[in-house]
Amino acid sequence: MTSPPAAPLTFDLTLRKPLLGWFPKPTVVVNGLGQPAQWGYRNWKLPDGGPAHVTIFLFNRLWKFGVVEFTVDAVHPGPLLYRAPWLPFLPGRLTRP
């Protein structure tokens, strides 16, 4: 009898924009694979159960801004919170809530 497949490893990511103003939808890149995202909470899978290099940014038709890069491992993925910058030339912030 075979054992059931192991559940994929995941990490929680909340994407927050400033309260005032219009902001484009964020893009999340996991190990080089871009994935459009929505503002709010989402649970992301770690590919192959190993560490993943993640980049988050906003794109306004001319340039990327609010860029944050980090690595998530399977040992301590933990919940993460990304906050977009107020101005379109500043970096974003990544914290643990």
N, C-alpha and C. Protein backbone atom coordinates (compact mmCIF):
# COMPACT_ATOMS: atom_id res chain seq x y z
N MET A 1 0.85 -1.18 0.00
CA MET A 1 0.00 0.00 0.00
C MET A 1 0.90 1.24 0.00
N THR A 2 0.58 2.19 -0.83
CA THR A 2 1.39 3.41 -0.91
C THR A 2 0.87 4.47 0.04
N SER A 3 1.78 5.29 0.51
CA SER A 3 1.37 6.37 1.41
C SER A 3 0.84 7.54 0.59
N PRO A 4 -0.05 8.32 1.18
CA PRO A 4 -0.60 9.47 0.44
C PRO A 4 0.51 10.51 0.21
N PRO A 5 0.39 11.27 -0.86
CA PRO A 5 1.43 12.28 -1.13
C PRO A 5 1.44 13.33 -0.02
N ALA A 6 2.63 13.82 0.27
CA ALA A 6 2.76 14.84 1.31
C ALA A 6 2.13 16.15 0.83
N ALA A 7 1.57 16.88 1.79
CA ALA A 7 0.96 18.17 1.46
C ALA A 7 2.06 19.14 1.02
N PRO A 8 1.80 19.95 -0.01
CA PRO A 8 2.83 20.89 -0.45
C PRO A 8 3.11 21.94 0.63
N LEU A 9 4.35 22.35 0.74
CA LEU A 9 4.71 23.37 1.70
C LEU A 9 4.28 24.73 1.17
N THR A 10 3.79 25.58 2.07
CA THR A 10 3.25 26.88 1.67
C THR A 10 3.74 27.97 2.61
N PHE A 11 3.53 29.22 2.20
CA PHE A 11 3.75 30.37 3.08
C PHE A 11 2.63 31.37 2.86
N ASP A 12 2.29 32.09 3.92
CA ASP A 12 1.21 33.07 3.87
C ASP A 12 1.79 34.44 3.54
N LEU A 13 1.15 35.14 2.60
CA LEU A 13 1.61 36.46 2.20
C LEU A 13 0.40 37.38 2.08
N THR A 14 0.47 38.50 2.78
CA THR A 14 -0.57 39.52 2.69
C THR A 14 0.02 40.72 1.97
N LEU A 15 -0.66 41.19 0.92
CA LEU A 15 -0.21 42.33 0.14
C LEU A 15 -1.11 43.52 0.46
N ARG A 16 -0.50 44.60 0.98
CA ARG A 16 -1.29 45.78 1.37
C ARG A 16 -0.84 47.00 0.59
N LYS A 17 -1.82 47.77 0.15
CA LYS A 17 -1.52 49.03 -0.51
C LYS A 17 -1.85 50.17 0.45
N PRO A 18 -1.29 51.38 0.22
CA PRO A 18 -1.66 52.52 1.06
C PRO A 18 -3.15 52.82 0.95
N LEU A 19 -3.68 53.45 1.97
CA LEU A 19 -5.12 53.70 2.00
C LEU A 19 -5.60 54.69 0.95
N LEU A 20 -4.77 55.68 0.62
CA LEU A 20 -5.19 56.70 -0.34
C LEU A 20 -4.46 56.52 -1.66
N GLY A 21 -5.16 56.79 -2.74
CA GLY A 21 -4.53 56.76 -4.06
C GLY A 21 -4.80 55.48 -4.82
N TRP A 22 -4.44 55.52 -6.10
CA TRP A 22 -4.58 54.36 -6.98
C TRP A 22 -3.24 53.67 -7.08
N PHE A 23 -3.24 52.36 -7.01
CA PHE A 23 -2.01 51.58 -7.14
C PHE A 23 -2.28 50.40 -8.05
N PRO A 24 -1.31 50.08 -8.93
CA PRO A 24 -1.48 48.92 -9.80
C PRO A 24 -1.46 47.63 -8.99
N LYS A 25 -1.97 46.57 -9.59
CA LYS A 25 -1.94 45.27 -8.93
C LYS A 25 -0.49 44.80 -8.81
N PRO A 26 -0.16 44.13 -7.71
CA PRO A 26 1.21 43.67 -7.53
C PRO A 26 1.51 42.43 -8.38
N THR A 27 2.78 42.22 -8.62
CA THR A 27 3.26 41.02 -9.29
C THR A 27 4.18 40.29 -8.33
N VAL A 28 3.98 39.00 -8.17
CA VAL A 28 4.80 38.16 -7.31
C VAL A 28 5.54 37.18 -8.21
N VAL A 29 6.88 37.16 -8.10
CA VAL A 29 7.71 36.26 -8.90
C VAL A 29 8.32 35.24 -7.96
N VAL A 30 8.01 33.96 -8.16
CA VAL A 30 8.53 32.88 -7.33
C VAL A 30 9.46 32.04 -8.19
N ASN A 31 10.75 32.04 -7.85
CA ASN A 31 11.78 31.30 -8.60
C ASN A 31 11.73 31.61 -10.09
N GLY A 32 11.58 32.90 -10.44
CA GLY A 32 11.60 33.33 -11.83
C GLY A 32 10.29 33.21 -12.57
N LEU A 33 9.25 32.70 -11.93
CA LEU A 33 7.95 32.54 -12.58
C LEU A 33 7.01 33.62 -12.07
N GLY A 34 6.69 34.60 -12.92
CA GLY A 34 5.82 35.71 -12.52
C GLY A 34 4.37 35.30 -12.40
N GLN A 35 3.72 35.80 -11.36
CA GLN A 35 2.33 35.48 -11.10
C GLN A 35 1.60 36.74 -10.70
N PRO A 36 0.64 37.23 -11.52
CA PRO A 36 -0.13 38.40 -11.12
C PRO A 36 -0.89 38.09 -9.84
N ALA A 37 -1.02 39.07 -9.00
CA ALA A 37 -1.67 38.85 -7.70
C ALA A 37 -2.70 39.94 -7.45
N GLN A 38 -3.49 39.75 -6.43
CA GLN A 38 -4.47 40.73 -5.98
C GLN A 38 -4.02 41.25 -4.62
N TRP A 39 -4.50 42.43 -4.26
CA TRP A 39 -4.24 42.94 -2.91
C TRP A 39 -4.99 42.08 -1.92
N GLY A 40 -4.37 41.81 -0.79
CA GLY A 40 -5.01 41.02 0.25
C GLY A 40 -4.19 39.78 0.59
N TYR A 41 -4.85 38.82 1.22
CA TYR A 41 -4.20 37.62 1.73
C TYR A 41 -4.21 36.52 0.68
N ARG A 42 -3.12 35.76 0.65
CA ARG A 42 -3.06 34.57 -0.20
C ARG A 42 -2.03 33.60 0.37
N ASN A 43 -2.28 32.33 0.15
CA ASN A 43 -1.36 31.27 0.57
C ASN A 43 -0.63 30.80 -0.68
N TRP A 44 0.72 30.88 -0.68
CA TRP A 44 1.52 30.54 -1.85
C TRP A 44 2.24 29.22 -1.61
N LYS A 45 2.33 28.39 -2.65
CA LYS A 45 3.04 27.12 -2.57
C LYS A 45 4.53 27.33 -2.80
N LEU A 46 5.34 26.58 -2.05
CA LEU A 46 6.78 26.56 -2.29
C LEU A 46 7.06 25.50 -3.34
N PRO A 47 7.63 25.87 -4.48
CA PRO A 47 7.89 24.86 -5.51
C PRO A 47 8.91 23.84 -5.04
N ASP A 48 8.61 22.60 -5.27
CA ASP A 48 9.50 21.47 -4.92
C ASP A 48 9.80 21.38 -3.43
N GLY A 49 9.06 22.07 -2.60
CA GLY A 49 9.26 21.98 -1.16
C GLY A 49 10.56 22.58 -0.66
N GLY A 50 11.31 23.20 -1.52
CA GLY A 50 12.59 23.76 -1.13
C GLY A 50 12.53 25.26 -0.98
N PRO A 51 13.68 25.87 -0.74
CA PRO A 51 13.67 27.33 -0.63
C PRO A 51 13.27 27.98 -1.94
N ALA A 52 12.60 29.11 -1.84
CA ALA A 52 12.14 29.82 -3.02
C ALA A 52 12.57 31.28 -2.93
N HIS A 53 13.08 31.80 -4.03
CA HIS A 53 13.43 33.22 -4.11
C HIS A 53 12.20 33.96 -4.61
N VAL A 54 11.72 34.93 -3.83
CA VAL A 54 10.48 35.64 -4.14
C VAL A 54 10.78 37.12 -4.34
N THR A 55 10.20 37.69 -5.39
CA THR A 55 10.30 39.12 -5.66
C THR A 55 8.88 39.65 -5.81
N ILE A 56 8.60 40.79 -5.17
CA ILE A 56 7.31 41.45 -5.29
C ILE A 56 7.57 42.84 -5.83
N PHE A 57 6.76 43.27 -6.81
CA PHE A 57 6.91 44.62 -7.33
C PHE A 57 5.59 45.11 -7.93
N LEU A 58 5.52 46.41 -8.17
CA LEU A 58 4.41 47.05 -8.85
C LEU A 58 4.94 47.60 -10.17
N PHE A 59 4.10 47.66 -11.19
CA PHE A 59 4.54 48.13 -12.50
C PHE A 59 3.52 49.15 -13.01
N ASN A 60 4.00 50.35 -13.38
CA ASN A 60 3.07 51.41 -13.80
C ASN A 60 3.19 51.76 -15.28
N ARG A 61 3.49 50.81 -16.13
CA ARG A 61 3.64 50.94 -17.58
C ARG A 61 4.99 51.52 -18.00
N LEU A 62 5.71 52.16 -17.10
CA LEU A 62 7.01 52.72 -17.43
C LEU A 62 8.14 52.10 -16.65
N TRP A 63 7.93 51.81 -15.37
CA TRP A 63 8.99 51.25 -14.54
C TRP A 63 8.41 50.44 -13.40
N LYS A 64 9.27 49.58 -12.84
CA LYS A 64 8.90 48.81 -11.66
C LYS A 64 9.22 49.65 -10.43
N PHE A 65 8.39 49.53 -9.41
CA PHE A 65 8.68 50.19 -8.14
C PHE A 65 8.14 49.34 -7.01
N GLY A 66 8.52 49.71 -5.79
CA GLY A 66 8.08 48.94 -4.62
C GLY A 66 8.67 47.55 -4.57
N VAL A 67 9.88 47.40 -5.11
CA VAL A 67 10.51 46.07 -5.23
C VAL A 67 10.99 45.57 -3.87
N VAL A 68 10.67 44.33 -3.56
CA VAL A 68 11.15 43.63 -2.37
C VAL A 68 11.57 42.23 -2.81
N GLU A 69 12.75 41.79 -2.40
CA GLU A 69 13.23 40.44 -2.69
C GLU A 69 13.57 39.73 -1.40
N PHE A 70 13.21 38.45 -1.32
CA PHE A 70 13.50 37.66 -0.13
C PHE A 70 13.47 36.18 -0.50
N THR A 71 13.98 35.36 0.41
CA THR A 71 13.98 33.91 0.23
C THR A 71 13.14 33.29 1.32
N VAL A 72 12.29 32.36 0.92
CA VAL A 72 11.43 31.64 1.87
C VAL A 72 11.89 30.20 1.89
N ASP A 73 12.12 29.66 3.09
CA ASP A 73 12.51 28.25 3.19
C ASP A 73 11.40 27.46 3.85
N ALA A 74 11.51 26.16 3.77
CA ALA A 74 10.47 25.27 4.29
C ALA A 74 10.48 25.20 5.81
N VAL A 75 11.59 25.58 6.45
CA VAL A 75 11.69 25.45 7.90
C VAL A 75 10.87 26.50 8.62
N HIS A 76 11.02 27.77 8.23
CA HIS A 76 10.30 28.86 8.89
C HIS A 76 9.62 29.77 7.87
N PRO A 77 8.62 29.26 7.15
CA PRO A 77 8.01 30.14 6.15
C PRO A 77 7.27 31.31 6.80
N GLY A 78 6.49 31.05 7.85
CA GLY A 78 5.81 32.12 8.59
C GLY A 78 4.97 33.03 7.73
N PRO A 79 4.06 33.77 8.34
CA PRO A 79 3.26 34.75 7.59
C PRO A 79 4.10 36.00 7.31
N LEU A 80 3.91 36.58 6.13
CA LEU A 80 4.64 37.77 5.72
C LEU A 80 3.66 38.85 5.30
N LEU A 81 4.05 40.11 5.48
CA LEU A 81 3.22 41.25 5.11
C LEU A 81 4.03 42.19 4.23
N TYR A 82 3.55 42.42 3.00
CA TYR A 82 4.18 43.36 2.08
C TYR A 82 3.36 44.64 2.08
N ARG A 83 4.05 45.78 2.23
CA ARG A 83 3.38 47.09 2.17
C ARG A 83 3.97 47.87 1.00
N ALA A 84 3.08 48.35 0.13
CA ALA A 84 3.50 49.13 -1.03
C ALA A 84 3.91 50.53 -0.56
N PRO A 85 4.83 51.17 -1.29
CA PRO A 85 5.26 52.52 -0.91
C PRO A 85 4.23 53.57 -1.31
N TRP A 86 4.29 54.72 -0.65
CA TRP A 86 3.40 55.84 -0.99
C TRP A 86 3.77 56.46 -2.33
N LEU A 87 5.08 56.54 -2.62
CA LEU A 87 5.55 57.19 -3.84
C LEU A 87 6.12 56.15 -4.80
N PRO A 88 5.94 56.36 -6.13
CA PRO A 88 6.33 55.33 -7.10
C PRO A 88 7.82 55.24 -7.41
N PHE A 89 8.67 55.67 -6.51
CA PHE A 89 10.10 55.48 -6.70
C PHE A 89 10.76 54.92 -5.44
N LEU A 90 9.95 54.59 -4.45
CA LEU A 90 10.47 54.04 -3.20
C LEU A 90 10.34 52.51 -3.19
N PRO A 91 11.14 51.83 -2.36
CA PRO A 91 10.99 50.38 -2.24
C PRO A 91 9.79 50.04 -1.35
N GLY A 92 9.31 48.82 -1.49
CA GLY A 92 8.26 48.33 -0.60
C GLY A 92 8.87 47.86 0.72
N ARG A 93 8.01 47.47 1.67
CA ARG A 93 8.49 46.96 2.96
C ARG A 93 7.92 45.57 3.19
N LEU A 94 8.74 44.72 3.77
CA LEU A 94 8.33 43.37 4.09
C LEU A 94 8.54 43.15 5.57
N THR A 95 7.49 42.74 6.29
CA THR A 95 7.57 42.51 7.72
C THR A 95 6.86 41.20 8.07
N ARG A 96 7.04 40.78 9.27
CA ARG A 96 6.27 39.65 9.81
C ARG A 96 5.27 40.20 10.80
N PRO A 97 3.98 40.00 10.55
CA PRO A 97 2.95 40.56 11.45
C PRO A 97 2.95 39.92 12.82
